[in-house]
């Protein structure tokens, strides 16, 4: 069974709250049980420290009138990191100095769309998209609306 675990944070890669603990534990346990599992996260360059990254793909998607480019890297552990400095190259993950970024909904709408575009472009066929928390809530909508024939 192929599982794509999707979240905004996961321990030990990036941790802000309890979501990271849960997703990190799920990823570890799924691998331990023999599932073919990958983890997809935004690449918060100021917060995620990993080595041995491989650039897999450069992709561009349109959201409204604007096109946004992003790159996807893969770690040795099977973690896909979605790099778009415009959205994820900030001082904080969700907030700065205690104030949430006003464009958080747009940032995670972008991440949700980028995930599906990457899966399509790579020809991946996950059996399960395991989505976690509000940051990934648009994935099912985008899947039915824009990718119904492709995935």
N, C-alpha and C. Protein backbone atom coordinates (compact mmCIF):
# COMPACT_ATOMS: atom_id res chain seq x y z
N UNK A 1 0.85 -1.18 0.00
CA UNK A 1 0.00 0.00 0.00
C UNK A 1 0.90 1.24 0.00
N UNK A 2 0.57 2.19 -0.85
CA UNK A 2 1.33 3.45 -0.95
C UNK A 2 0.56 4.56 -0.25
N UNK A 3 1.23 5.21 0.68
CA UNK A 3 0.61 6.28 1.46
C UNK A 3 1.41 7.56 1.29
N UNK A 4 0.71 8.65 1.03
CA UNK A 4 1.33 9.98 1.04
C UNK A 4 0.77 10.70 2.25
N UNK A 5 1.62 10.88 3.24
CA UNK A 5 1.28 11.58 4.47
C UNK A 5 1.58 13.05 4.24
N UNK A 6 0.60 13.92 4.46
CA UNK A 6 0.73 15.34 4.11
C UNK A 6 0.41 16.19 5.33
N UNK A 7 1.31 17.13 5.64
CA UNK A 7 1.11 17.99 6.80
C UNK A 7 1.93 19.26 6.66
N UNK A 8 1.64 20.22 7.50
CA UNK A 8 2.39 21.47 7.53
C UNK A 8 3.63 21.37 8.40
N UNK A 9 3.68 20.36 9.27
CA UNK A 9 4.85 20.18 10.14
C UNK A 9 4.91 18.73 10.58
N UNK A 10 6.13 18.27 10.86
CA UNK A 10 6.33 16.90 11.35
C UNK A 10 7.68 16.83 12.05
N UNK A 11 7.67 16.27 13.24
CA UNK A 11 8.91 16.07 13.98
C UNK A 11 9.68 14.90 13.35
N UNK A 12 10.95 14.96 13.15
CA UNK A 12 11.93 15.94 13.62
C UNK A 12 12.26 17.04 12.62
N UNK A 13 11.51 17.15 11.53
CA UNK A 13 11.85 18.09 10.47
C UNK A 13 11.47 19.52 10.82
N UNK A 14 10.29 19.71 11.36
CA UNK A 14 9.82 21.04 11.75
C UNK A 14 8.74 20.85 12.80
N UNK A 15 8.89 21.54 13.93
CA UNK A 15 7.91 21.38 15.01
C UNK A 15 7.51 22.73 15.57
N UNK A 16 6.21 22.98 15.54
CA UNK A 16 5.64 24.16 16.18
C UNK A 16 4.73 23.71 17.32
N UNK A 17 3.92 22.68 17.05
CA UNK A 17 2.97 22.20 18.06
C UNK A 17 2.80 20.70 18.02
N UNK A 18 1.67 20.26 18.56
CA UNK A 18 1.38 18.84 18.67
C UNK A 18 1.20 18.13 17.35
N UNK A 19 0.80 18.86 16.31
CA UNK A 19 0.65 18.25 14.99
C UNK A 19 1.95 17.59 14.56
N UNK A 20 3.06 18.25 14.79
CA UNK A 20 4.37 17.71 14.40
C UNK A 20 4.65 16.38 15.09
N UNK A 21 4.29 16.29 16.36
CA UNK A 21 4.52 15.04 17.11
C UNK A 21 3.70 13.90 16.52
N UNK A 22 2.43 14.16 16.26
CA UNK A 22 1.53 13.13 15.73
C UNK A 22 1.98 12.68 14.34
N UNK A 23 2.24 13.62 13.46
CA UNK A 23 2.62 13.27 12.09
C UNK A 23 3.98 12.55 12.07
N UNK A 24 4.92 13.04 12.86
CA UNK A 24 6.22 12.37 12.93
C UNK A 24 6.10 10.94 13.41
N UNK A 25 5.27 10.71 14.43
CA UNK A 25 5.07 9.36 14.96
C UNK A 25 4.36 8.47 13.94
N UNK A 26 3.37 9.02 13.24
CA UNK A 26 2.67 8.25 12.20
C UNK A 26 3.62 7.82 11.09
N UNK A 27 4.44 8.74 10.64
CA UNK A 27 5.39 8.44 9.57
C UNK A 27 6.33 7.30 9.99
N UNK A 28 6.86 7.42 11.17
CA UNK A 28 7.77 6.40 11.71
C UNK A 28 7.08 5.04 11.84
N UNK A 29 5.87 5.04 12.39
CA UNK A 29 5.13 3.79 12.61
C UNK A 29 4.71 3.13 11.29
N UNK A 30 4.28 3.94 10.33
CA UNK A 30 3.89 3.38 9.03
C UNK A 30 5.08 2.71 8.35
N UNK A 31 6.24 3.34 8.42
CA UNK A 31 7.44 2.74 7.84
C UNK A 31 7.78 1.43 8.56
N UNK A 32 7.68 1.47 9.89
CA UNK A 32 7.99 0.29 10.70
C UNK A 32 7.09 -0.89 10.33
N UNK A 33 5.85 -0.60 9.98
CA UNK A 33 4.88 -1.65 9.63
C UNK A 33 4.97 -2.08 8.17
N UNK A 34 5.92 -1.52 7.45
CA UNK A 34 6.17 -1.97 6.09
C UNK A 34 5.37 -1.27 5.00
N UNK A 35 4.67 -0.21 5.34
CA UNK A 35 3.95 0.54 4.31
C UNK A 35 4.94 1.36 3.48
N UNK A 36 4.62 1.53 2.22
CA UNK A 36 5.42 2.42 1.38
C UNK A 36 4.86 3.82 1.59
N UNK A 37 5.50 4.56 2.45
CA UNK A 37 4.98 5.86 2.87
C UNK A 37 5.98 6.96 2.57
N UNK A 38 5.45 8.07 2.08
CA UNK A 38 6.21 9.29 1.91
C UNK A 38 5.53 10.37 2.72
N UNK A 39 6.30 11.36 3.08
CA UNK A 39 5.81 12.51 3.84
C UNK A 39 6.02 13.75 3.00
N UNK A 40 4.99 14.58 2.86
CA UNK A 40 5.09 15.84 2.12
C UNK A 40 4.94 17.00 3.09
N UNK A 41 5.90 17.92 3.04
CA UNK A 41 5.93 19.09 3.92
C UNK A 41 6.34 20.33 3.13
N UNK A 42 5.89 21.50 3.56
CA UNK A 42 6.49 22.72 3.02
C UNK A 42 7.96 22.78 3.45
N UNK A 43 8.80 23.34 2.62
CA UNK A 43 10.22 23.46 2.95
C UNK A 43 10.46 24.83 3.58
N UNK A 44 10.34 24.87 4.90
CA UNK A 44 10.65 26.09 5.65
C UNK A 44 12.16 26.11 5.83
N UNK A 45 12.86 26.73 4.92
CA UNK A 45 14.33 26.67 4.92
C UNK A 45 14.96 27.18 6.21
N UNK A 46 14.32 28.10 6.88
CA UNK A 46 14.89 28.64 8.12
C UNK A 46 14.64 27.73 9.32
N UNK A 47 13.86 26.68 9.13
CA UNK A 47 13.49 25.81 10.24
C UNK A 47 13.83 24.34 10.01
N UNK A 48 13.90 23.92 8.78
CA UNK A 48 14.16 22.51 8.47
C UNK A 48 15.63 22.35 8.11
N UNK A 49 16.30 21.52 8.87
CA UNK A 49 17.70 21.24 8.62
C UNK A 49 17.83 19.77 8.21
N UNK A 50 18.13 19.55 6.96
CA UNK A 50 18.31 18.19 6.46
C UNK A 50 19.53 18.18 5.55
N UNK A 51 20.10 17.01 5.39
CA UNK A 51 21.23 16.88 4.47
C UNK A 51 20.85 15.88 3.39
N UNK A 52 21.69 15.80 2.39
CA UNK A 52 21.49 14.86 1.29
C UNK A 52 20.14 15.02 0.60
N UNK A 53 19.84 16.25 0.22
CA UNK A 53 18.61 16.51 -0.52
C UNK A 53 18.83 16.32 -2.01
N UNK A 54 17.85 15.74 -2.66
CA UNK A 54 17.87 15.61 -4.11
C UNK A 54 16.75 16.44 -4.70
N UNK A 55 17.10 17.32 -5.64
CA UNK A 55 16.08 18.09 -6.35
C UNK A 55 15.40 17.15 -7.33
N UNK A 56 14.09 16.98 -7.16
CA UNK A 56 13.34 16.08 -8.03
C UNK A 56 12.70 16.80 -9.20
N UNK A 57 12.14 17.96 -8.93
CA UNK A 57 11.33 18.59 -9.95
C UNK A 57 11.19 20.08 -9.68
N UNK A 58 11.14 20.85 -10.79
CA UNK A 58 10.77 22.26 -10.75
C UNK A 58 9.43 22.36 -11.45
N UNK A 59 8.47 22.97 -10.79
CA UNK A 59 7.10 23.02 -11.32
C UNK A 59 6.55 24.43 -11.16
N UNK A 60 5.60 24.77 -12.00
CA UNK A 60 4.91 26.05 -11.89
C UNK A 60 3.42 25.78 -11.94
N UNK A 61 2.67 26.44 -11.05
CA UNK A 61 1.22 26.31 -11.07
C UNK A 61 0.60 27.69 -11.08
N UNK A 62 -0.60 27.75 -11.62
CA UNK A 62 -1.36 29.00 -11.63
C UNK A 62 -2.39 28.96 -10.53
N UNK A 63 -2.44 30.04 -9.79
CA UNK A 63 -3.49 30.22 -8.78
C UNK A 63 -4.06 31.61 -9.01
N UNK A 64 -5.27 31.64 -9.51
CA UNK A 64 -5.83 32.93 -9.90
C UNK A 64 -5.04 33.44 -11.10
N UNK A 65 -4.77 34.73 -11.15
CA UNK A 65 -4.05 35.28 -12.30
C UNK A 65 -2.53 35.08 -12.22
N UNK A 66 -2.03 34.63 -11.08
CA UNK A 66 -0.58 34.54 -10.88
C UNK A 66 -0.05 33.12 -10.98
N UNK A 67 1.15 33.02 -11.53
CA UNK A 67 1.85 31.74 -11.58
C UNK A 67 2.88 31.72 -10.46
N UNK A 68 3.01 30.58 -9.82
CA UNK A 68 3.96 30.41 -8.72
C UNK A 68 4.85 29.21 -9.02
N UNK A 69 6.15 29.44 -8.98
CA UNK A 69 7.11 28.36 -9.21
C UNK A 69 7.49 27.74 -7.87
N UNK A 70 7.77 26.44 -7.90
CA UNK A 70 8.26 25.77 -6.71
C UNK A 70 9.16 24.60 -7.12
N UNK A 71 9.96 24.17 -6.17
CA UNK A 71 10.83 23.02 -6.37
C UNK A 71 10.49 21.98 -5.33
N UNK A 72 10.66 20.72 -5.70
CA UNK A 72 10.42 19.63 -4.76
C UNK A 72 11.73 18.87 -4.56
N UNK A 73 12.11 18.74 -3.31
CA UNK A 73 13.31 18.00 -2.92
C UNK A 73 12.88 16.74 -2.19
N UNK A 74 13.74 15.73 -2.23
CA UNK A 74 13.46 14.48 -1.51
C UNK A 74 14.64 14.14 -0.61
N UNK A 75 14.32 13.74 0.62
CA UNK A 75 15.35 13.29 1.55
C UNK A 75 15.54 11.78 1.39
N UNK A 76 16.59 11.27 2.00
CA UNK A 76 16.84 9.82 1.98
C UNK A 76 15.73 9.05 2.68
N UNK A 77 15.03 9.69 3.61
CA UNK A 77 13.96 9.04 4.37
C UNK A 77 12.63 9.01 3.63
N UNK A 78 12.58 9.62 2.44
CA UNK A 78 11.33 9.64 1.68
C UNK A 78 10.43 10.82 2.00
N UNK A 79 11.03 11.91 2.45
CA UNK A 79 10.28 13.13 2.73
C UNK A 79 10.40 14.06 1.53
N UNK A 80 9.26 14.51 1.02
CA UNK A 80 9.23 15.49 -0.06
C UNK A 80 9.07 16.87 0.56
N UNK A 81 9.97 17.78 0.20
CA UNK A 81 9.94 19.15 0.72
C UNK A 81 9.61 20.10 -0.43
N UNK A 82 8.54 20.86 -0.25
CA UNK A 82 8.04 21.77 -1.27
C UNK A 82 8.59 23.16 -1.00
N UNK A 83 9.48 23.61 -1.89
CA UNK A 83 10.21 24.85 -1.69
C UNK A 83 9.65 25.97 -2.55
N UNK A 84 9.10 26.96 -1.89
CA UNK A 84 8.63 28.18 -2.55
C UNK A 84 8.93 29.32 -1.58
N UNK A 85 10.08 29.99 -1.74
CA UNK A 85 10.48 31.04 -0.79
C UNK A 85 9.42 32.12 -0.59
N UNK A 86 8.65 32.39 -1.63
CA UNK A 86 7.58 33.39 -1.53
C UNK A 86 6.62 33.06 -0.39
N UNK A 87 6.33 31.79 -0.19
CA UNK A 87 5.38 31.37 0.84
C UNK A 87 6.02 30.78 2.09
N UNK A 88 7.15 30.11 1.93
CA UNK A 88 7.70 29.37 3.07
C UNK A 88 9.09 29.82 3.52
N UNK A 89 9.64 30.84 2.90
CA UNK A 89 10.95 31.34 3.29
C UNK A 89 10.86 32.50 4.26
N UNK A 90 10.21 32.28 5.37
CA UNK A 90 9.96 33.35 6.33
C UNK A 90 10.59 33.04 7.68
N UNK A 91 10.58 34.04 8.55
CA UNK A 91 11.17 33.87 9.88
C UNK A 91 10.43 32.86 10.73
N UNK A 92 9.11 32.78 10.56
CA UNK A 92 8.30 31.83 11.33
C UNK A 92 7.63 30.82 10.42
N UNK A 93 7.03 29.82 11.02
CA UNK A 93 6.30 28.81 10.25
C UNK A 93 4.89 29.32 9.95
N UNK A 94 4.15 29.66 11.02
CA UNK A 94 2.78 30.17 10.86
C UNK A 94 2.66 31.64 11.23
N UNK A 95 3.63 32.14 11.99
CA UNK A 95 3.51 33.48 12.57
C UNK A 95 4.90 34.07 12.80
N UNK A 96 4.89 35.36 13.05
CA UNK A 96 6.12 36.07 13.39
C UNK A 96 5.82 37.04 14.52
N UNK A 97 6.61 36.98 15.56
CA UNK A 97 6.41 37.83 16.74
C UNK A 97 5.01 37.71 17.30
N UNK A 98 4.46 36.50 17.29
CA UNK A 98 3.15 36.25 17.87
C UNK A 98 1.97 36.62 16.99
N UNK A 99 2.23 37.10 15.78
CA UNK A 99 1.15 37.49 14.87
C UNK A 99 1.14 36.55 13.67
N UNK A 100 0.00 35.91 13.43
CA UNK A 100 -0.12 34.98 12.31
C UNK A 100 0.05 35.72 10.99
N UNK A 101 0.66 35.06 10.04
CA UNK A 101 0.77 35.64 8.70
C UNK A 101 -0.63 35.76 8.10
N UNK A 102 -0.93 36.94 7.58
CA UNK A 102 -2.26 37.19 7.02
C UNK A 102 -2.57 36.31 5.82
N UNK A 103 -1.54 35.90 5.11
CA UNK A 103 -1.76 35.09 3.91
C UNK A 103 -1.63 33.58 4.18
N UNK A 104 -1.73 33.16 5.43
CA UNK A 104 -1.66 31.72 5.72
C UNK A 104 -2.65 30.90 4.88
N UNK A 105 -3.90 31.34 4.73
CA UNK A 105 -4.81 30.56 3.88
C UNK A 105 -4.27 30.38 2.45
N UNK A 106 -3.71 31.44 1.87
CA UNK A 106 -3.15 31.35 0.53
C UNK A 106 -1.91 30.44 0.51
N UNK A 107 -1.07 30.54 1.52
CA UNK A 107 0.14 29.72 1.59
C UNK A 107 -0.19 28.23 1.56
N UNK A 108 -1.20 27.85 2.34
CA UNK A 108 -1.52 26.42 2.42
C UNK A 108 -2.46 25.97 1.30
N UNK A 109 -3.18 26.89 0.69
CA UNK A 109 -3.90 26.56 -0.54
C UNK A 109 -2.88 26.25 -1.63
N UNK A 110 -1.83 27.05 -1.68
CA UNK A 110 -0.75 26.80 -2.63
C UNK A 110 -0.10 25.44 -2.37
N UNK A 111 0.22 25.14 -1.12
CA UNK A 111 0.84 23.86 -0.79
C UNK A 111 -0.04 22.69 -1.22
N UNK A 112 -1.34 22.81 -0.99
CA UNK A 112 -2.28 21.75 -1.36
C UNK A 112 -2.29 21.53 -2.87
N UNK A 113 -2.31 22.61 -3.61
CA UNK A 113 -2.32 22.52 -5.08
C UNK A 113 -0.97 22.02 -5.60
N UNK A 114 0.11 22.51 -5.00
CA UNK A 114 1.45 22.08 -5.42
C UNK A 114 1.63 20.58 -5.20
N UNK A 115 1.11 20.07 -4.10
CA UNK A 115 1.20 18.64 -3.81
C UNK A 115 0.58 17.82 -4.94
N UNK A 116 -0.64 18.17 -5.33
CA UNK A 116 -1.34 17.42 -6.37
C UNK A 116 -0.66 17.57 -7.73
N UNK A 117 -0.17 18.74 -8.02
CA UNK A 117 0.54 18.95 -9.30
C UNK A 117 1.80 18.10 -9.34
N UNK A 118 2.50 18.03 -8.23
CA UNK A 118 3.70 17.20 -8.15
C UNK A 118 3.36 15.72 -8.32
N UNK A 119 2.34 15.25 -7.64
CA UNK A 119 1.92 13.84 -7.76
C UNK A 119 1.58 13.52 -9.21
N UNK A 120 0.86 14.43 -9.86
CA UNK A 120 0.49 14.24 -11.27
C UNK A 120 1.73 14.22 -12.16
N UNK A 121 2.60 15.20 -11.99
CA UNK A 121 3.79 15.33 -12.82
C UNK A 121 4.72 14.13 -12.67
N UNK A 122 4.82 13.61 -11.46
CA UNK A 122 5.69 12.46 -11.20
C UNK A 122 5.05 11.13 -11.58
N UNK A 123 3.76 11.14 -11.88
CA UNK A 123 3.07 9.90 -12.21
C UNK A 123 2.87 8.99 -11.01
N UNK A 124 2.83 9.58 -9.85
CA UNK A 124 2.64 8.79 -8.63
C UNK A 124 1.19 8.35 -8.51
N UNK A 125 0.98 7.25 -7.86
CA UNK A 125 -0.37 6.74 -7.63
C UNK A 125 -0.52 6.29 -6.18
N UNK A 126 -0.54 7.24 -5.24
CA UNK A 126 -0.73 6.81 -3.85
C UNK A 126 -2.12 6.21 -3.65
N UNK A 127 -2.19 5.14 -2.87
CA UNK A 127 -3.48 4.54 -2.53
C UNK A 127 -4.23 5.40 -1.53
N UNK A 128 -3.47 6.06 -0.67
CA UNK A 128 -4.06 6.90 0.39
C UNK A 128 -3.33 8.23 0.45
N UNK A 129 -4.09 9.31 0.45
CA UNK A 129 -3.57 10.63 0.79
C UNK A 129 -4.01 10.88 2.23
N UNK A 130 -3.08 10.82 3.14
CA UNK A 130 -3.39 10.99 4.57
C UNK A 130 -3.14 12.46 4.91
N UNK A 131 -4.21 13.23 5.01
CA UNK A 131 -4.15 14.69 5.18
C UNK A 131 -4.33 15.06 6.64
N UNK A 132 -3.56 16.05 7.09
CA UNK A 132 -3.55 16.41 8.50
C UNK A 132 -3.77 17.90 8.72
N UNK A 133 -4.85 18.22 9.39
CA UNK A 133 -5.18 19.56 9.87
C UNK A 133 -5.62 20.49 8.73
N UNK A 134 -5.97 21.72 9.10
CA UNK A 134 -6.60 22.65 8.17
C UNK A 134 -5.70 23.02 7.00
N UNK A 135 -4.39 22.94 7.18
CA UNK A 135 -3.47 23.35 6.12
C UNK A 135 -3.59 22.48 4.87
N UNK A 136 -4.13 21.29 5.01
CA UNK A 136 -4.27 20.38 3.86
C UNK A 136 -5.73 20.16 3.47
N UNK A 137 -6.63 20.94 4.04
CA UNK A 137 -8.07 20.73 3.85
C UNK A 137 -8.53 20.93 2.41
N UNK A 138 -7.81 21.68 1.62
CA UNK A 138 -8.23 21.91 0.23
C UNK A 138 -7.82 20.80 -0.73
N UNK A 139 -6.99 19.89 -0.28
CA UNK A 139 -6.54 18.81 -1.17
C UNK A 139 -7.72 18.04 -1.77
N UNK A 140 -8.70 17.57 -0.98
CA UNK A 140 -9.83 16.84 -1.60
C UNK A 140 -10.61 17.69 -2.61
N UNK A 141 -10.81 18.96 -2.30
CA UNK A 141 -11.51 19.85 -3.23
C UNK A 141 -10.73 19.99 -4.53
N UNK A 142 -9.44 20.29 -4.43
CA UNK A 142 -8.61 20.42 -5.63
C UNK A 142 -8.55 19.11 -6.41
N UNK A 143 -8.49 18.01 -5.70
CA UNK A 143 -8.45 16.70 -6.35
C UNK A 143 -9.68 16.48 -7.21
N UNK A 144 -10.85 16.76 -6.66
CA UNK A 144 -12.10 16.58 -7.41
C UNK A 144 -12.29 17.64 -8.49
N UNK A 145 -11.83 18.85 -8.25
CA UNK A 145 -12.07 19.96 -9.17
C UNK A 145 -11.07 20.02 -10.32
N UNK A 146 -9.79 19.88 -10.02
CA UNK A 146 -8.75 20.09 -11.03
C UNK A 146 -8.03 18.82 -11.48
N UNK A 147 -8.07 17.77 -10.69
CA UNK A 147 -7.25 16.59 -10.98
C UNK A 147 -8.05 15.30 -11.09
N UNK A 148 -9.34 15.41 -11.22
CA UNK A 148 -10.21 14.23 -11.24
C UNK A 148 -9.80 13.22 -12.31
N UNK A 149 -9.43 13.71 -13.48
CA UNK A 149 -9.07 12.82 -14.59
C UNK A 149 -7.62 12.36 -14.53
N UNK A 150 -6.81 13.08 -13.77
CA UNK A 150 -5.37 12.81 -13.77
C UNK A 150 -4.90 11.89 -12.66
N UNK A 151 -5.61 11.89 -11.54
CA UNK A 151 -5.13 11.12 -10.38
C UNK A 151 -6.15 10.09 -9.94
